[in-house]
């Protein structure tokens, strides 16, 4: 029962329905499984039974698994659950559809191709950021290599097997039991059995980046011992000779990460991440760029040889060309008046006609304003008998028109300024606003008019808070499709925040679950999500029979949700 080869098709711990084996390593076998409680696909790493017989392993497993389960980062695979009993120990992970970086490198090498610098930087930034996050929480990976980096179907890099090396081997990792695959990415201090810190992960990431750039690892040997001695003693091959077109900034980062003496490397993964960011943000100028001295060209233009052919050249401009000169420049004496009129058709007409037309426009404007005031006063007195309450009624009509109750109830955030009510409709609007006086009840109101005032006022404060909440933070599903693997691909956008874990995030759920149950203290089920976009953790098999839509709500760091902060979208 505990033999890993027998788990396919069985149920683990009375809960996880194991579907198929994904791979086997020296420590565990990994399976794809379904969690019926939360209705999601997961990956389960079942530890080989002989390791569970070691009391030290059991202690390390419990300590490290507990720490790793606290990690919440979009580029670190999430640990959902772990348990150990008897000779069966397992860890339940987020299932990441895609392929490992090791598989991608193998395919590119077979096709005679290499990663582009942009692809390398994207992956390097993601993994270095993940390491910086984990190191800040006292966790070291110890086994960064392409086989432990997943590339999902959107090309995002996700670091897996965090802490597994420590669970398997303790605080140090010497030559004892090392394999060639592991030795290819080990830091010198790890090989020498020294106490490790985050800089060992920086070295291993440097080896990985070296391989992505050149298509080969810096050191190769059929012997694990020989490989480890090469990491300790041999100089790193010249990356510029292996791939001359590599941006020099990227080459410099890799060389620094591969320093034998860890004091000569980046002192933290965060520092390495910042250095990579500077390389990414630098002007795109490949190696062998030649600055053109011809003053007739745009300043800063550069002719470069592309990696494809040295004969082709492209002119790269650092700054966009100046905007085309207008057909007619504005006279300096007209400018202050034009600015006062605005930038619309009226201002343009005033500029085209010169100074003589401006008094005409000003006179027309004054006349229209006087007519509007007269119409308001006259219409108000007709309806209210010239009483002192008329201005109050007019003032109420505008905010009522500016924020319709249907928009507040639907959770829609007004994005435009209120449109003024035309003067020809003002009497009608005033007529509907006068009977229930919201702001200042007339002192002479009869008893029959007071109850509507009292019953009308309370909804106003209860309606406003949801509007403020939605305007501050919201999430909205904008589209759902099914991919080839039957995963729902959910496009969504947030307003007022960017989802992250830990922190403000998103809860996704089917419309068979009420809003109140889509977060703590509700019963769910839901999936908490902190990126990256789009969301793909639900499959068609997860969909309840009665579900017709998928929904999303803003979730607080404690996994409680903000009601009416999202929407539902029809399922394909």
Protein backbone atom coordinates (compact mmCIF):
# COMPACT_ATOMS: atom_id res chain seq x y z
CA UNK A 1 0.00 0.00 0.00
CA UNK A 2 2.86 2.35 0.78
CA UNK A 3 4.87 1.51 -2.34
CA UNK A 4 4.76 4.68 -4.50
CA UNK A 5 4.27 2.62 -7.65
CA UNK A 6 0.90 1.44 -6.36
CA UNK A 7 -0.71 4.84 -5.71
CA UNK A 8 -2.08 5.52 -9.22
CA UNK A 9 -5.85 5.08 -9.22
CA UNK A 10 -6.08 5.04 -5.43
CA UNK A 11 -7.26 7.54 -2.81
CA UNK A 12 -4.67 9.00 -0.45
CA UNK A 13 -5.66 9.66 3.15
CA UNK A 14 -9.33 9.20 2.27
CA UNK A 15 -9.31 12.47 0.31
CA UNK A 16 -6.91 12.90 -2.62
CA UNK A 17 -7.87 10.91 -5.72
CA UNK A 18 -4.59 10.09 -7.46
CA UNK A 19 -4.83 10.04 -11.26
CA UNK A 20 -1.38 9.51 -12.76
CA UNK A 21 2.32 9.56 -11.99
CA UNK A 22 4.19 12.63 -13.21
CA UNK A 23 7.74 11.61 -12.30
CA UNK A 24 10.02 9.89 -9.80
CA UNK A 25 13.17 11.18 -8.09
CA UNK A 26 15.59 10.02 -5.45
CA UNK A 27 13.38 11.31 -2.65
CA UNK A 28 9.78 10.97 -3.82
CA UNK A 29 7.30 10.21 -6.56
CA UNK A 30 5.09 12.99 -7.88
CA UNK A 31 1.48 12.40 -8.88
CA UNK A 32 -1.32 14.41 -10.41
CA UNK A 33 -4.42 14.18 -8.23
CA UNK A 34 -7.82 15.75 -7.54
CA UNK A 35 -8.88 17.28 -4.26
CA UNK A 36 -12.69 16.76 -4.15
CA UNK A 37 -13.09 18.96 -1.06
CA UNK A 38 -11.85 22.09 -2.83
CA UNK A 39 -12.56 20.77 -6.32
CA UNK A 40 -9.14 21.45 -7.77
CA UNK A 41 -6.27 19.61 -9.43
CA UNK A 42 -3.14 19.25 -7.29
CA UNK A 43 0.33 17.69 -7.42
CA UNK A 44 1.29 15.32 -4.62
CA UNK A 45 4.86 14.37 -3.76
CA UNK A 46 4.80 11.06 -1.87
CA UNK A 47 8.05 10.45 -0.01
CA UNK A 48 9.73 7.09 -0.53
CA UNK A 49 8.91 4.81 2.43
CA UNK A 50 12.52 4.04 3.39
CA UNK A 51 13.13 7.75 4.21
CA UNK A 52 10.24 7.75 6.65
CA UNK A 53 12.10 5.19 8.76
CA UNK A 54 14.73 7.82 9.62
CA UNK A 55 13.74 9.86 12.75
CA UNK A 56 15.92 12.79 11.62
CA UNK A 57 14.13 12.87 8.29
CA UNK A 58 10.73 12.92 10.02
CA UNK A 59 11.81 15.87 12.18
CA UNK A 60 13.19 17.81 9.20
CA UNK A 61 10.07 17.03 7.17
CA UNK A 62 7.73 18.47 9.78
CA UNK A 63 9.85 21.60 10.38
CA UNK A 64 10.58 22.47 6.78
CA UNK A 65 7.16 21.59 5.38
CA UNK A 66 5.55 23.86 7.96
CA UNK A 67 7.83 26.76 6.97
CA UNK A 68 7.45 26.23 3.22
CA UNK A 69 3.65 26.08 3.53
CA UNK A 70 3.73 29.71 4.74
CA UNK A 71 5.23 31.00 1.49
CA UNK A 72 2.86 33.01 -0.70
CA UNK A 73 4.52 34.32 -3.85
CA UNK A 74 3.32 34.20 -7.48
CA UNK A 75 6.64 32.66 -8.59
CA UNK A 76 6.83 29.98 -5.87
CA UNK A 77 4.65 26.90 -6.16
CA UNK A 78 2.16 26.96 -3.31
CA UNK A 79 2.04 24.18 -0.72
CA UNK A 80 -1.56 23.29 0.16
CA UNK A 81 -1.12 20.46 2.64
CA UNK A 82 1.35 17.99 4.11
CA UNK A 83 1.03 15.01 6.41
CA UNK A 84 3.03 12.11 7.73
CA UNK A 85 1.94 8.93 9.44
CA UNK A 86 3.62 5.56 9.65
CA UNK A 87 5.70 5.20 6.50
CA UNK A 88 3.52 7.49 4.35
CA UNK A 89 4.64 11.10 4.14
CA UNK A 90 3.40 13.45 1.44
CA UNK A 91 3.21 17.11 0.43
CA UNK A 92 0.35 18.54 -1.64
CA UNK A 93 1.35 21.29 -4.08
CA UNK A 94 -0.32 23.62 -6.53
CA UNK A 95 -0.52 21.88 -9.92
CA UNK A 96 1.26 23.96 -12.59
CA UNK A 97 0.37 22.96 -16.17
CA UNK A 98 3.35 23.42 -18.47
CA UNK A 99 6.91 22.11 -18.65
CA UNK A 100 10.11 22.45 -16.68
CA UNK A 101 12.86 24.81 -17.75
CA UNK A 102 15.01 21.70 -18.15
CA UNK A 103 12.59 20.30 -20.74
CA UNK A 104 12.45 23.66 -22.55
CA UNK A 105 16.25 23.85 -22.69
CA UNK A 106 16.42 20.33 -24.08
CA UNK A 107 13.93 21.15 -26.85
CA UNK A 108 15.76 24.35 -27.79
CA UNK A 109 19.12 22.58 -27.91
CA UNK A 110 17.72 19.85 -30.14
CA UNK A 111 16.41 22.53 -32.51
CA UNK A 112 19.71 24.47 -32.42
CA UNK A 113 18.05 27.50 -30.82
CA UNK A 114 18.61 29.63 -27.71
CA UNK A 115 16.49 31.71 -25.36
CA UNK A 116 16.30 35.37 -26.35
CA UNK A 117 17.75 37.92 -23.89
CA UNK A 118 14.23 39.17 -23.13
CA UNK A 119 13.06 35.64 -22.24
CA UNK A 120 16.12 35.08 -20.06
CA UNK A 121 15.58 38.34 -18.20
CA UNK A 122 11.89 37.61 -17.64
CA UNK A 123 12.65 34.23 -16.06
CA UNK A 124 15.67 35.55 -14.12
CA UNK A 125 13.66 38.43 -12.64
CA UNK A 126 10.85 36.11 -11.54
CA UNK A 127 13.12 33.57 -9.88
CA UNK A 128 15.38 36.14 -8.22
CA UNK A 129 12.31 37.90 -6.82
CA UNK A 130 11.00 34.58 -5.51
CA UNK A 131 14.34 33.85 -3.84
CA UNK A 132 14.50 37.33 -2.31
CA UNK A 133 11.03 36.80 -0.83
CA UNK A 134 11.93 33.40 0.63
CA UNK A 135 15.33 34.52 1.94
CA UNK A 136 13.67 37.42 3.77
CA UNK A 137 11.68 34.77 5.63
CA UNK A 138 14.75 32.71 6.53
CA UNK A 139 14.28 29.97 3.91
CA UNK A 140 16.99 28.84 1.48
CA UNK A 141 16.10 26.70 -1.53
CA UNK A 142 19.44 24.79 -1.78
CA UNK A 143 18.57 23.13 -5.10
CA UNK A 144 17.89 25.84 -7.70
CA UNK A 145 18.18 24.25 -11.15
CA UNK A 146 16.16 24.07 -14.39
CA UNK A 147 14.41 20.88 -13.27
CA UNK A 148 12.95 22.81 -10.32
CA UNK A 149 11.67 25.75 -12.38
CA UNK A 150 8.30 25.31 -14.06
CA UNK A 151 7.23 27.36 -17.08
CA UNK A 152 3.46 27.48 -17.19
CA UNK A 153 1.38 27.77 -20.35
CA UNK A 154 1.78 31.57 -20.27
CA UNK A 155 5.57 31.48 -19.97
CA UNK A 156 5.67 32.47 -16.29
CA UNK A 157 8.50 30.94 -14.24
CA UNK A 158 7.55 29.22 -10.98
CA UNK A 159 10.08 27.82 -8.50
CA UNK A 160 9.25 24.38 -7.12
CA UNK A 161 10.61 22.01 -4.43
CA UNK A 162 11.41 24.73 -1.93
CA UNK A 163 13.11 23.26 1.11
CA UNK A 164 13.10 19.71 -0.25
CA UNK A 165 16.90 19.56 -0.28
CA UNK A 166 16.98 20.45 3.40
CA UNK A 167 14.30 17.88 4.22
CA UNK A 168 16.34 15.24 2.42
CA UNK A 169 19.85 16.21 3.47
CA UNK A 170 19.89 18.46 6.52
CA UNK A 171 21.71 21.76 6.89
CA UNK A 172 24.72 20.85 4.73
CA UNK A 173 25.14 18.98 1.49
CA UNK A 174 28.52 17.35 0.91
CA UNK A 175 29.75 14.93 -1.72
CA UNK A 176 28.12 12.02 0.10
CA UNK A 177 25.23 10.77 -2.00
CA UNK A 178 25.47 13.62 -4.54
CA UNK A 179 24.46 12.88 -8.13
CA UNK A 180 25.72 14.41 -11.37
CA UNK A 181 22.42 16.22 -11.86
CA UNK A 182 22.69 17.89 -8.48
CA UNK A 183 26.42 18.64 -8.69
CA UNK A 184 26.00 20.59 -11.93
CA UNK A 185 24.40 23.51 -10.05
CA UNK A 186 25.98 23.31 -6.57
CA UNK A 187 27.81 26.28 -5.06
CA UNK A 188 31.44 25.88 -3.90
CA UNK A 189 30.50 26.41 -0.25
CA UNK A 190 27.72 23.81 -0.54
CA UNK A 191 30.22 21.31 -1.95
CA UNK A 192 32.66 22.04 0.87
CA UNK A 193 29.99 21.45 3.50
CA UNK A 194 30.03 24.98 4.87
CA UNK A 195 27.08 26.69 6.54
CA UNK A 196 24.82 28.01 3.81
CA UNK A 197 23.04 31.30 3.29
CA UNK A 198 21.05 32.83 0.44
CA UNK A 199 24.16 33.33 -1.70
CA UNK A 200 24.24 29.61 -2.46
CA UNK A 201 20.94 30.05 -4.33
CA UNK A 202 22.43 33.05 -6.18
CA UNK A 203 25.27 30.83 -7.47
CA UNK A 204 22.87 28.09 -8.58
CA UNK A 205 20.69 30.67 -10.37
CA UNK A 206 23.84 31.98 -12.06
CA UNK A 207 24.61 28.47 -13.38
CA UNK A 208 21.03 28.21 -14.64
CA UNK A 209 21.26 31.57 -16.45
CA UNK A 210 24.64 30.61 -17.92
CA UNK A 211 22.98 27.51 -19.40
CA UNK A 212 20.04 29.52 -20.75
CA UNK A 213 22.39 31.96 -22.51
CA UNK A 214 24.91 29.51 -23.95
CA UNK A 215 22.97 26.26 -24.18
CA UNK A 216 25.51 24.49 -21.96
CA UNK A 217 26.47 24.42 -18.28
CA UNK A 218 29.74 26.06 -17.22
CA UNK A 219 31.18 22.72 -16.05
CA UNK A 220 30.53 19.23 -17.43
CA UNK A 221 31.76 15.81 -16.32
CA UNK A 222 30.48 12.27 -16.02
CA UNK A 223 31.75 12.16 -12.45
CA UNK A 224 29.92 13.99 -9.68
CA UNK A 225 33.17 14.37 -7.71
CA UNK A 226 34.98 15.88 -10.70
CA UNK A 227 32.10 18.26 -11.32
CA UNK A 228 32.17 19.50 -7.76
CA UNK A 229 35.92 20.10 -7.84
CA UNK A 230 35.47 22.11 -11.05
CA UNK A 231 32.94 24.36 -9.29
CA UNK A 232 35.41 24.88 -6.45
CA UNK A 233 38.61 25.41 -8.47
CA UNK A 234 38.09 25.99 -12.23
CA UNK A 235 37.47 29.44 -13.75
CA UNK A 236 34.10 30.04 -15.32
CA UNK A 237 34.21 29.86 -19.15
CA UNK A 238 34.01 33.16 -21.02
CA UNK A 239 30.34 33.69 -21.81
CA UNK A 240 31.14 36.41 -24.37
CA UNK A 241 33.01 33.89 -26.47
CA UNK A 242 30.23 31.31 -26.25
CA UNK A 243 27.53 33.82 -27.28
CA UNK A 244 28.98 37.19 -28.32
CA UNK A 245 25.62 38.90 -28.93
CA UNK A 246 24.61 38.58 -25.27
CA UNK A 247 23.94 42.02 -23.74
CA UNK A 248 27.04 42.93 -21.70
CA UNK A 249 24.91 43.87 -18.70
CA UNK A 250 23.43 40.36 -18.54
CA UNK A 251 26.87 38.80 -18.91
CA UNK A 252 28.16 40.92 -16.01
CA UNK A 253 25.29 39.83 -13.75
CA UNK A 254 25.91 36.14 -14.47
CA UNK A 255 29.67 36.46 -13.92
CA UNK A 256 29.14 38.16 -10.56
CA UNK A 257 26.61 35.51 -9.47
CA UNK A 258 29.18 32.78 -10.32
CA UNK A 259 32.01 34.16 -8.19
CA UNK A 260 33.82 31.37 -6.32
CA UNK A 261 34.03 33.49 -3.18
CA UNK A 262 30.48 34.20 -2.03
CA UNK A 263 31.64 37.54 -0.64
CA UNK A 264 32.26 38.59 -4.25
CA UNK A 265 28.71 37.71 -5.34
CA UNK A 266 25.59 39.77 -4.82
CA UNK A 267 25.03 40.01 -1.10
CA UNK A 268 21.32 39.16 -1.57
CA UNK A 269 18.89 37.92 -4.18
CA UNK A 270 17.16 41.29 -3.94
CA UNK A 271 20.37 43.02 -5.06
CA UNK A 272 20.69 40.60 -7.97
CA UNK A 273 17.05 41.24 -8.89
CA UNK A 274 17.70 45.00 -8.98
CA UNK A 275 20.76 44.50 -11.18
CA UNK A 276 18.72 42.39 -13.61
CA UNK A 277 16.03 45.07 -13.61
CA UNK A 278 18.58 47.68 -14.67
CA UNK A 279 19.69 45.43 -17.54
CA UNK A 280 16.08 44.99 -18.65
CA UNK A 281 15.39 48.73 -18.52
CA UNK A 282 18.59 49.70 -20.33
CA UNK A 283 18.23 50.94 -23.94
CA UNK A 284 18.02 48.01 -26.32
CA UNK A 285 21.42 48.26 -28.01
CA UNK A 286 23.00 44.90 -29.02
CA UNK A 287 26.75 44.37 -28.91
CA UNK A 288 28.90 45.97 -31.64
CA UNK A 289 26.70 49.05 -31.79
CA UNK A 290 28.33 52.02 -33.53
CA UNK A 291 27.32 55.60 -32.81
CA UNK A 292 26.87 57.64 -35.96
CA UNK A 293 28.58 61.02 -35.85
CA UNK A 294 26.59 62.48 -38.76
CA UNK A 295 24.91 65.59 -37.27
CA UNK A 296 22.10 65.36 -39.78
CA UNK A 297 20.74 62.29 -37.99
CA UNK A 298 18.56 62.41 -34.89
CA UNK A 299 20.71 62.81 -31.80
CA UNK A 300 21.43 59.48 -30.12
CA UNK A 301 20.66 57.37 -33.21
CA UNK A 302 22.63 54.11 -33.32
CA UNK A 303 23.29 51.64 -36.12
CA UNK A 304 23.56 48.07 -34.85
CA UNK A 305 24.35 44.67 -36.28
CA UNK A 306 21.50 42.29 -35.45
CA UNK A 307 22.33 38.73 -34.32
CA UNK A 308 20.74 37.34 -37.51
CA UNK A 309 23.01 38.98 -40.11
CA UNK A 310 25.90 41.34 -39.69
CA UNK A 311 25.05 43.09 -42.98
CA UNK A 312 21.63 44.35 -41.96
CA UNK A 313 21.49 47.54 -39.88
CA UNK A 314 18.68 49.23 -38.00
CA UNK A 315 18.58 52.78 -36.78
CA UNK A 316 17.37 52.95 -33.19
CA UNK A 317 16.20 56.30 -31.87
CA UNK A 318 16.25 56.95 -28.16
CA UNK A 319 13.67 59.72 -28.36
CA UNK A 320 10.51 59.90 -30.53
CA UNK A 321 10.54 62.41 -33.44
CA UNK A 322 9.15 65.86 -32.64
CA UNK A 323 5.44 66.31 -33.37
CA UNK A 324 4.56 67.80 -36.77
CA UNK A 325 4.47 71.57 -36.81
CA UNK A 326 0.90 72.93 -36.88
CA UNK A 327 -0.29 74.53 -40.11
CA UNK A 328 -0.96 77.82 -38.34
CA UNK A 329 0.63 78.90 -35.09
CA UNK A 330 -1.52 80.64 -32.52
CA UNK A 331 -0.87 84.39 -32.34
CA UNK A 332 0.83 85.22 -29.03
CA UNK A 333 -1.75 87.89 -28.21
CA UNK A 334 -4.62 85.41 -28.58
CA UNK A 335 -3.08 82.67 -26.43
CA UNK A 336 -4.35 83.82 -22.99
CA UNK A 337 -7.89 84.21 -24.32
CA UNK A 338 -7.82 80.85 -26.09
CA UNK A 339 -6.65 79.12 -22.93
CA UNK A 340 -9.52 80.63 -21.01
CA UNK A 341 -12.00 79.30 -23.56
CA UNK A 342 -10.64 75.77 -23.43
CA UNK A 343 -9.41 73.44 -26.15
CA UNK A 344 -12.69 72.51 -27.81
CA UNK A 345 -14.35 73.78 -31.02
CA UNK A 346 -15.32 77.10 -29.42
CA UNK A 347 -11.70 77.94 -28.62
CA UNK A 348 -10.63 76.95 -32.11
CA UNK A 349 -13.27 79.17 -33.66
CA UNK A 350 -12.26 82.10 -31.49
CA UNK A 351 -8.64 81.67 -32.51
CA UNK A 352 -9.48 81.41 -36.19
CA UNK A 353 -11.69 84.48 -36.15
CA UNK A 354 -9.27 86.78 -34.33
CA UNK A 355 -10.02 89.28 -31.58
CA UNK A 356 -13.10 90.80 -33.23
CA UNK A 357 -15.25 87.69 -32.57
CA UNK A 358 -14.36 87.24 -28.94
CA UNK A 359 -16.64 90.01 -27.59
CA UNK A 360 -19.47 88.47 -29.61
CA UNK A 361 -18.95 85.06 -27.97
CA UNK A 362 -18.66 86.65 -24.55
CA UNK A 363 -21.91 88.57 -25.05
CA UNK A 364 -23.75 85.45 -26.20
CA UNK A 365 -22.44 83.56 -23.16
CA UNK A 366 -23.63 86.25 -20.74
CA UNK A 367 -27.04 86.37 -22.43
CA UNK A 368 -27.47 82.58 -22.22
CA UNK A 369 -26.46 82.63 -18.55
CA UNK A 370 -29.01 85.37 -17.72
CA UNK A 371 -31.77 83.50 -19.59
CA UNK A 372 -30.89 80.29 -17.72
CA UNK A 373 -31.05 82.02 -14.31
CA UNK A 374 -34.34 83.67 -15.20
CA UNK A 375 -35.82 80.35 -16.34
CA UNK A 376 -34.76 78.62 -13.11
CA UNK A 377 -36.17 81.35 -10.88
CA UNK A 378 -39.38 81.67 -12.89
CA UNK A 379 -39.97 77.90 -13.13
CA UNK A 380 -39.22 77.39 -9.44
CA UNK A 381 -41.65 80.08 -8.35
CA UNK A 382 -44.37 78.64 -10.55
CA UNK A 383 -44.05 75.26 -8.85
CA UNK A 384 -43.31 76.30 -5.27
CA UNK A 385 -45.18 79.56 -5.07
CA UNK A 386 -41.98 81.57 -4.66
CA UNK A 387 -41.28 79.99 -1.24
CA UNK A 388 -37.86 79.87 0.38
CA UNK A 389 -37.61 76.07 -0.10
CA UNK A 390 -37.29 76.24 -3.89
CA UNK A 391 -33.43 76.47 -4.02
CA UNK A 392 -33.21 73.38 -1.79
CA UNK A 393 -35.35 71.37 -4.20
CA UNK A 394 -33.27 72.43 -7.19
CA UNK A 395 -30.03 71.52 -5.42
CA UNK A 396 -31.40 68.04 -4.69
CA UNK A 397 -32.25 67.33 -8.28
CA UNK A 398 -28.64 67.46 -9.45
CA UNK A 399 -27.06 64.79 -7.17
CA UNK A 400 -30.06 62.52 -7.74
CA UNK A 401 -29.39 62.66 -11.46
CA UNK A 402 -25.61 62.35 -11.00
CA UNK A 403 -25.66 58.98 -9.20
CA UNK A 404 -28.64 56.82 -10.23
CA UNK A 405 -29.65 54.28 -7.57
CA UNK A 406 -29.36 51.46 -10.11
CA UNK A 407 -25.66 52.11 -10.52
CA UNK A 408 -25.02 51.91 -6.78
CA UNK A 409 -26.99 48.71 -6.39
CA UNK A 410 -25.19 47.08 -9.30
CA UNK A 411 -21.78 47.93 -7.96
CA UNK A 412 -20.91 50.06 -10.99
CA UNK A 413 -18.43 52.85 -10.33
CA UNK A 414 -19.44 56.13 -12.02
CA UNK A 415 -16.63 57.13 -14.33
CA UNK A 416 -17.98 60.36 -15.80
CA UNK A 417 -19.02 63.65 -14.29
CA UNK A 418 -22.78 64.24 -13.99
CA UNK A 419 -24.47 65.72 -17.05
CA UNK A 420 -26.30 68.98 -16.24
CA UNK A 421 -30.07 68.78 -16.56
CA UNK A 422 -31.33 70.78 -19.59
CA UNK A 423 -33.30 73.88 -18.71
CA UNK A 424 -36.38 72.70 -20.59
CA UNK A 425 -36.65 69.64 -18.30
CA UNK A 426 -35.88 71.47 -15.06
CA UNK A 427 -39.52 72.08 -13.98
CA UNK A 428 -40.32 68.36 -14.30
CA UNK A 429 -37.21 67.36 -12.31
CA UNK A 430 -38.01 69.94 -9.66
CA UNK A 431 -41.57 68.71 -9.46
CA UNK A 432 -40.48 65.15 -8.65
CA UNK A 433 -37.90 66.28 -6.10
CA UNK A 434 -40.07 68.71 -4.09
CA UNK A 435 -42.58 66.36 -2.32
CA UNK A 436 -39.98 64.27 -0.36
CA UNK A 437 -37.70 67.02 1.01
CA UNK A 438 -34.50 65.11 1.91
CA UNK A 439 -32.13 67.73 3.28
CA UNK A 440 -34.10 70.31 5.26
CA UNK A 441 -37.76 69.38 6.03
CA UNK A 442 -40.02 72.46 5.86
CA UNK A 443 -40.89 73.68 9.33
CA UNK A 444 -44.52 73.96 8.26
CA UNK A 445 -44.75 70.38 6.96
CA UNK A 446 -47.98 68.63 7.76
CA UNK A 447 -47.97 65.26 9.61
CA UNK A 448 -48.83 63.51 6.37
CA UNK A 449 -45.61 64.60 4.69
CA UNK A 450 -43.25 63.84 7.59
CA UNK A 451 -43.39 59.99 7.51
CA UNK A 452 -42.13 59.84 3.87
CA UNK A 453 -39.24 62.10 4.91
CA UNK A 454 -38.31 59.82 7.81
CA UNK A 455 -38.59 56.63 5.74
CA UNK A 456 -36.71 58.09 2.79
CA UNK A 457 -33.65 59.35 4.68
CA UNK A 458 -32.26 56.05 6.15
CA UNK A 459 -31.50 54.35 2.76
CA UNK A 460 -29.20 57.23 1.84
CA UNK A 461 -26.41 56.42 4.37
CA UNK A 462 -26.77 52.66 3.83
CA UNK A 463 -26.34 53.06 0.07
CA UNK A 464 -23.23 55.24 0.18
CA UNK A 465 -20.73 52.88 1.94
CA UNK A 466 -20.92 50.13 -0.75
CA UNK A 467 -20.30 52.79 -3.38
CA UNK A 468 -17.16 53.96 -1.58
CA UNK A 469 -15.94 50.37 -1.10
CA UNK A 470 -16.43 49.42 -4.75
CA UNK A 471 -14.72 52.59 -5.92
CA UNK A 472 -11.69 51.81 -3.73
CA UNK A 473 -11.20 48.08 -4.45
CA UNK A 474 -12.88 45.88 -7.00
CA UNK A 475 -12.28 42.91 -9.28
CA UNK A 476 -14.05 42.19 -12.54
CA UNK A 477 -13.95 39.07 -14.73
CA UNK A 478 -13.73 40.20 -18.37
CA UNK A 479 -13.70 36.87 -20.19
CA UNK A 480 -13.59 33.07 -19.78
CA UNK A 481 -12.43 30.46 -22.28
CA UNK A 482 -11.50 26.77 -22.14
CA UNK A 483 -7.97 25.76 -23.16
CA UNK A 484 -6.87 22.48 -24.70
CA UNK A 485 -6.43 20.91 -21.26
CA UNK A 486 -10.00 21.82 -20.23
CA UNK A 487 -8.81 24.55 -17.86
CA UNK A 488 -10.90 27.67 -17.59
CA UNK A 489 -8.76 30.63 -18.65
CA UNK A 490 -10.24 33.56 -16.72
CA UNK A 491 -9.21 37.08 -17.73
CA UNK A 492 -9.85 39.67 -15.05
CA UNK A 493 -8.88 43.14 -13.91
CA UNK A 494 -8.64 44.82 -10.52
CA UNK A 495 -9.26 48.41 -9.49
CA UNK A 496 -7.52 50.08 -6.58
CA UNK A 497 -5.05 47.26 -5.85
CA UNK A 498 -2.89 44.51 -7.35
CA UNK A 499 -3.60 41.02 -6.06
CA UNK A 500 -0.86 39.33 -4.06
CA UNK A 501 -0.40 36.66 -1.42
CA UNK A 502 -0.05 37.43 1.39
CA UNK A 503 -2.09 40.61 1.07
CA UNK A 504 -5.21 41.75 -0.74
CA UNK A 505 -6.10 39.04 -3.25
CA UNK A 506 -9.03 37.50 -5.16
CA UNK A 507 -11.43 34.67 -4.35
CA UNK A 508 -12.77 32.75 -7.36
CA UNK A 509 -15.82 30.51 -7.02
CA UNK A 510 -18.80 29.17 -8.97
CA UNK A 511 -22.21 30.80 -8.65
CA UNK A 512 -23.48 27.77 -6.73
CA UNK A 513 -21.72 29.41 -3.74
CA UNK A 514 -23.16 32.58 -2.22
CA UNK A 515 -21.05 35.68 -1.71
CA UNK A 516 -21.23 35.27 2.06
CA UNK A 517 -19.76 31.75 1.80
CA UNK A 518 -16.97 32.69 -0.63
CA UNK A 519 -14.57 33.69 2.13
CA UNK A 520 -13.85 33.36 5.83
CA UNK A 521 -16.00 32.56 7.81
CA UNK A 522 -18.00 31.01 4.94
CA UNK A 523 -17.76 27.36 3.97
CA UNK A 524 -16.89 27.77 0.29
CA UNK A 525 -15.55 26.18 -1.74
CA UNK A 526 -13.49 28.95 -3.28
CA UNK A 527 -9.92 29.38 -4.53
CA UNK A 528 -7.82 32.20 -3.11
CA UNK A 529 -5.56 33.72 -5.75
CA UNK A 530 -2.74 36.25 -5.80
CA UNK A 531 -1.73 36.12 -9.48
CA UNK A 532 -0.34 35.83 -12.05
CA UNK A 533 -3.07 36.65 -14.54
CA UNK A 534 -5.07 35.04 -16.06
CA UNK A 535 -6.55 32.66 -13.47
CA UNK A 536 -6.44 29.00 -14.61
CA UNK A 537 -6.86 26.85 -11.51
CA UNK A 538 -10.40 25.65 -12.24
CA UNK A 539 -11.07 22.94 -14.82
CA UNK A 540 -14.32 21.93 -16.51
CA UNK A 541 -14.34 18.89 -14.21
CA UNK A 542 -14.44 21.21 -11.18
CA UNK A 543 -17.66 22.84 -12.35
CA UNK A 544 -20.70 21.83 -10.27
CA UNK A 545 -23.65 20.59 -12.30
CA UNK A 546 -25.81 23.59 -11.40
CA UNK A 547 -23.10 26.21 -12.00
CA UNK A 548 -23.63 28.60 -14.89
CA UNK A 549 -21.12 31.31 -13.99
CA UNK A 550 -17.74 31.84 -12.35
CA UNK A 551 -17.49 34.68 -9.84
CA UNK A 552 -14.75 36.77 -8.25
CA UNK A 553 -14.61 38.98 -5.15
CA UNK A 554 -11.98 41.13 -3.48
CA UNK A 555 -10.48 39.21 -0.53
CA UNK A 556 -8.74 40.69 2.49
CA UNK A 557 -5.41 39.31 3.81
CA UNK A 558 -7.35 37.25 6.38
CA UNK A 559 -9.37 35.69 3.51
CA UNK A 560 -12.60 37.45 4.43
CA UNK A 561 -14.26 38.98 1.37
CA UNK A 562 -15.68 42.37 0.51
CA UNK A 563 -19.31 41.95 -0.53
CA UNK A 564 -20.40 43.36 -3.91
CA UNK A 565 -16.77 43.99 -4.90
CA UNK A 566 -16.77 41.75 -7.98
CA UNK A 567 -18.94 40.11 -10.61
CA UNK A 568 -19.94 36.79 -12.16
CA UNK A 569 -19.33 35.74 -15.78
CA UNK A 570 -21.07 33.11 -17.91
CA UNK A 571 -19.14 29.87 -18.31
CA UNK A 572 -18.43 28.62 -21.85
